[in-house]
Protein backbone atom coordinates (compact mmCIF):
# COMPACT_ATOMS: atom_id res chain seq x y z
CA MET A 1 95.42 0.05 44.64
CA LYS A 2 96.83 -0.45 41.52
CA LEU A 3 95.41 -3.72 41.11
CA ARG A 4 92.34 -2.56 41.55
CA THR A 5 92.56 0.50 39.26
CA LYS A 6 93.53 -2.20 36.20
CA LYS A 7 91.18 -4.70 37.42
CA SER A 8 88.43 -1.78 36.64
CA ILE A 9 90.14 -1.00 33.35
CA ILE A 10 90.40 -4.59 31.92
CA ALA A 11 86.52 -4.92 33.35
CA THR A 12 85.69 -1.36 31.05
CA VAL A 13 87.53 -2.31 28.06
CA ILE A 14 85.69 -6.17 28.06
CA GLY A 15 82.35 -4.08 28.51
CA ALA A 16 82.81 -1.92 26.04
CA ALA A 17 84.09 -4.54 23.50
CA MET A 18 80.96 -6.48 24.53
CA ILE A 19 78.70 -3.60 23.56
CA ILE A 20 80.19 -2.45 20.57
CA GLY A 21 82.19 -5.27 19.29
CA PRO A 22 78.66 -7.32 17.95
CA THR A 23 77.32 -4.56 16.63
CA ALA A 24 80.27 -3.51 14.53
CA ALA A 25 80.29 -7.44 13.33
CA PHE A 26 77.15 -7.79 12.46
CA ALA A 27 75.84 -4.58 10.75
CA ASP A 28 74.96 -5.13 7.49
CA ALA A 29 77.24 -3.23 5.08
CA THR A 30 74.54 -2.05 2.62
CA PRO A 31 71.21 -0.66 3.93
CA ALA A 32 67.86 -2.88 3.08
CA PRO A 33 66.12 -1.92 0.57
CA THR A 34 62.79 -0.03 1.12
CA THR A 35 59.93 -1.38 -0.59
CA GLY A 36 57.98 1.29 -1.85
CA THR A 37 54.22 1.40 -2.65
CA TYR A 38 52.53 -1.39 -5.10
CA GLN A 39 52.14 2.07 -7.24
CA ALA A 40 55.89 3.57 -7.36
CA GLN A 41 56.88 -0.39 -8.03
CA LEU A 42 54.73 -0.56 -10.74
CA ASP A 43 55.94 2.59 -12.30
CA ALA A 44 59.46 1.54 -11.78
CA PHE A 45 58.61 -1.58 -13.90
CA LYS A 46 57.31 0.15 -16.84
CA ILE A 47 59.97 2.64 -17.10
CA ALA A 48 62.36 -0.69 -16.98
CA LEU A 49 60.29 -2.50 -19.24
CA ALA A 50 60.43 0.23 -21.74
CA LYS A 51 64.55 1.12 -21.56
CA TRP A 52 64.41 -3.44 -22.16
CA GLU A 53 62.14 -2.98 -24.84
CA ALA A 54 64.06 -0.02 -26.47
CA ASP A 55 67.41 -1.65 -25.67
CA ARG A 56 65.75 -4.99 -27.29
CA LEU A 57 64.93 -3.43 -30.61
CA ALA A 58 68.17 -1.25 -30.65
CA ALA A 59 70.05 -4.50 -30.72
CA ASP A 60 67.96 -6.48 -33.14
CA THR A 61 68.00 -3.68 -35.37
CA ALA A 62 72.18 -3.77 -35.41
CA PHE A 63 72.19 -6.99 -35.86
CA LYS A 64 69.52 -7.24 -38.69
CA ALA A 65 71.68 -4.62 -40.46
CA ALA A 66 75.08 -6.24 -39.53
CA LEU A 67 73.43 -9.54 -41.10
CA THR A 68 72.44 -7.56 -44.12
CA ALA A 69 76.07 -6.13 -44.40
CA TYR A 70 77.07 -9.91 -44.10
CA GLN A 71 74.84 -11.42 -46.30
CA THR A 72 75.42 -8.58 -49.18
CA ALA A 73 79.28 -9.18 -48.76
CA ILE A 74 78.76 -12.80 -49.04
CA LYS A 75 76.82 -11.98 -53.01
CA ALA A 76 79.53 -9.36 -53.78
CA GLN A 77 81.82 -12.22 -52.99
CA GLU A 78 80.30 -15.24 -54.79
CA SER A 79 79.77 -12.66 -57.92
CA ALA A 80 83.63 -11.62 -57.78
CA ARG A 81 84.50 -15.18 -57.41
CA LYS A 82 82.01 -16.47 -60.82
CA THR A 83 83.39 -13.99 -62.78
CA ILE A 84 87.28 -14.87 -62.35
CA ASN A 85 86.25 -18.55 -62.83
CA GLU A 86 84.18 -17.52 -66.05
CA THR A 87 87.39 -15.74 -67.24
CA PHE A 88 89.62 -18.41 -66.26
CA LYS A 89 87.42 -20.69 -68.02
CA ALA A 90 87.31 -18.85 -71.48
CA ALA A 91 91.26 -18.59 -71.02
CA LEU A 92 91.66 -22.92 -70.69
CA GLU A 93 88.88 -22.80 -74.16
CA SER A 94 90.89 -20.45 -76.00
CA ALA A 95 94.05 -22.32 -74.98
CA ARG A 96 92.73 -25.30 -75.94
CA LYS A 97 91.45 -24.40 -79.16
CA THR A 98 94.65 -22.58 -79.81
CA TYR A 99 96.15 -25.85 -79.33
CA GLN A 100 93.62 -28.04 -81.41
CA THR A 101 93.96 -25.77 -84.59
CA ALA A 102 97.57 -26.24 -83.85
CA ILE A 103 97.59 -29.79 -84.00
CA ALA A 104 95.37 -29.95 -86.97
CA GLY A 105 96.62 -31.93 -89.83
CA THR A 106 99.31 -33.85 -89.82
CA PRO A 107 102.17 -31.67 -87.81
CA THR A 108 105.28 -32.79 -87.10
CA THR A 109 106.73 -33.53 -84.00
CA GLY A 110 108.32 -30.11 -82.92
CA VAL A 111 104.97 -28.24 -83.80
CA LYS A 112 103.39 -30.54 -81.75
CA ALA A 113 105.73 -30.07 -78.89
CA ALA A 114 105.58 -26.28 -79.24
CA ALA A 115 102.15 -26.14 -79.75
CA LEU A 116 101.67 -27.85 -76.29
CA ALA A 117 103.92 -25.68 -74.16
CA ALA A 118 102.19 -22.64 -75.44
CA ARG A 119 98.88 -24.70 -74.13
CA GLN A 120 100.92 -25.58 -71.47
CA ALA A 121 102.41 -21.58 -70.35
CA ALA A 122 98.72 -20.57 -71.36
CA VAL A 123 97.23 -22.68 -68.34
CA ALA A 124 99.84 -21.44 -66.17
CA ALA A 125 99.36 -18.44 -66.82
CA ALA A 126 95.56 -18.53 -66.54
CA THR A 127 96.16 -20.01 -62.95
CA ALA A 128 98.19 -17.32 -61.61
CA THR A 129 95.80 -14.94 -62.79
CA ARG A 130 93.06 -16.71 -61.26
CA ASP A 131 94.72 -17.39 -57.81
CA ALA A 132 96.24 -13.39 -57.88
CA ALA A 133 92.82 -12.08 -58.51
CA ILE A 134 91.23 -14.80 -55.81
CA LYS A 135 93.83 -13.77 -53.33
CA ALA A 136 92.89 -9.97 -54.16
CA LEU A 137 89.21 -10.55 -52.71
CA PRO A 138 88.47 -8.86 -49.72
CA VAL A 139 88.27 -10.55 -46.60
CA LEU A 140 85.11 -11.70 -45.56
CA PRO A 141 83.67 -10.32 -42.13
CA THR A 142 82.26 -12.59 -39.76
CA LYS A 143 79.04 -13.99 -39.24
CA PRO A 144 76.92 -11.70 -36.68
CA VAL A 145 75.81 -13.37 -33.75
CA ARG A 146 72.55 -12.55 -32.39
CA PRO A 147 72.97 -10.44 -29.23
CA VAL A 148 72.46 -12.11 -26.16
CA LEU A 149 69.63 -9.68 -24.37
CA ALA A 150 69.00 -9.08 -19.96
CA PRO A 151 65.75 -10.86 -18.92
CA ARG A 152 63.02 -9.44 -19.14
CA PRO A 153 62.30 -7.01 -15.86
CA ILE A 154 59.71 -8.88 -13.64
CA ARG A 155 56.29 -7.53 -13.00
CA PRO A 156 55.76 -6.57 -9.28
CA GLU A 157 53.86 -9.00 -7.79
CA ARG A 158 50.72 -7.01 -6.67
CA PRO A 159 50.44 -7.21 -2.45
CA ALA A 160 47.92 -9.72 -1.13
CA ALA A 161 44.24 -7.98 -0.12
CA PRO A 162 43.59 -7.97 3.66
CA GLU A 163 41.18 -10.64 4.33
CA LYS A 164 37.67 -10.04 4.74
CA ALA A 165 35.22 -11.27 7.73
CA PRO A 166 32.89 -13.56 6.48
CA LYS A 167 29.87 -12.32 6.12
CA THR A 168 26.42 -12.92 8.52
CA PRO A 169 23.57 -13.44 7.45
CA LYS A 170 20.87 -10.99 8.70
CA ASP A 171 18.42 -11.58 11.08
CA LYS A 172 15.07 -12.34 9.01
CA ALA A 173 12.02 -13.01 11.01
CA VAL A 174 10.64 -16.39 10.67
CA VAL A 175 7.20 -16.02 9.34
CA PRO A 176 5.26 -19.87 9.42
CA SER A 177 3.86 -20.91 6.45
CA PRO A 178 -0.11 -21.65 6.35
CA SER A 179 -0.22 -25.36 7.30
CA LYS A 180 -2.94 -27.36 5.48
CA SER A 181 -3.92 -29.33 8.20
CA ALA A 182 -7.80 -27.65 8.63
């Protein structure tokens, strides 16, 4: 009796596993999307297209604004560097003229050495001033990168029209043509 009960329990468990097992193993985790009518798909496409267009325009506008700000920063830095270099050149020219004035005529060696030392000191001061001014310039921002857009939504395909049955010619009464054999 125990053996028979044991066998029937095992058979019941195996049978239940065969019935329940495959359905659980092969069940989809996500249900298949339901396809609506073509008009519903077209409406969803139009909404997605309008959103895509708005996102594209917003990204493009933001990129253009960032690019304009970047170009403005570049121009401001170029202008500042130009002013710094002009000031540096003016200081060098002043030091050169002072040196030329000091050694004009027949100066002694001591006067020439003092004039040369003054010129070298003036050049060193101008160089230090220029380097400090260049270091004080603001750091340029990184050049903006054109945004990568999501792909454009794809228009749904129109459903195939049902095939029409071929037209059958309508029966026309055959009218004999008059013959010329008279």
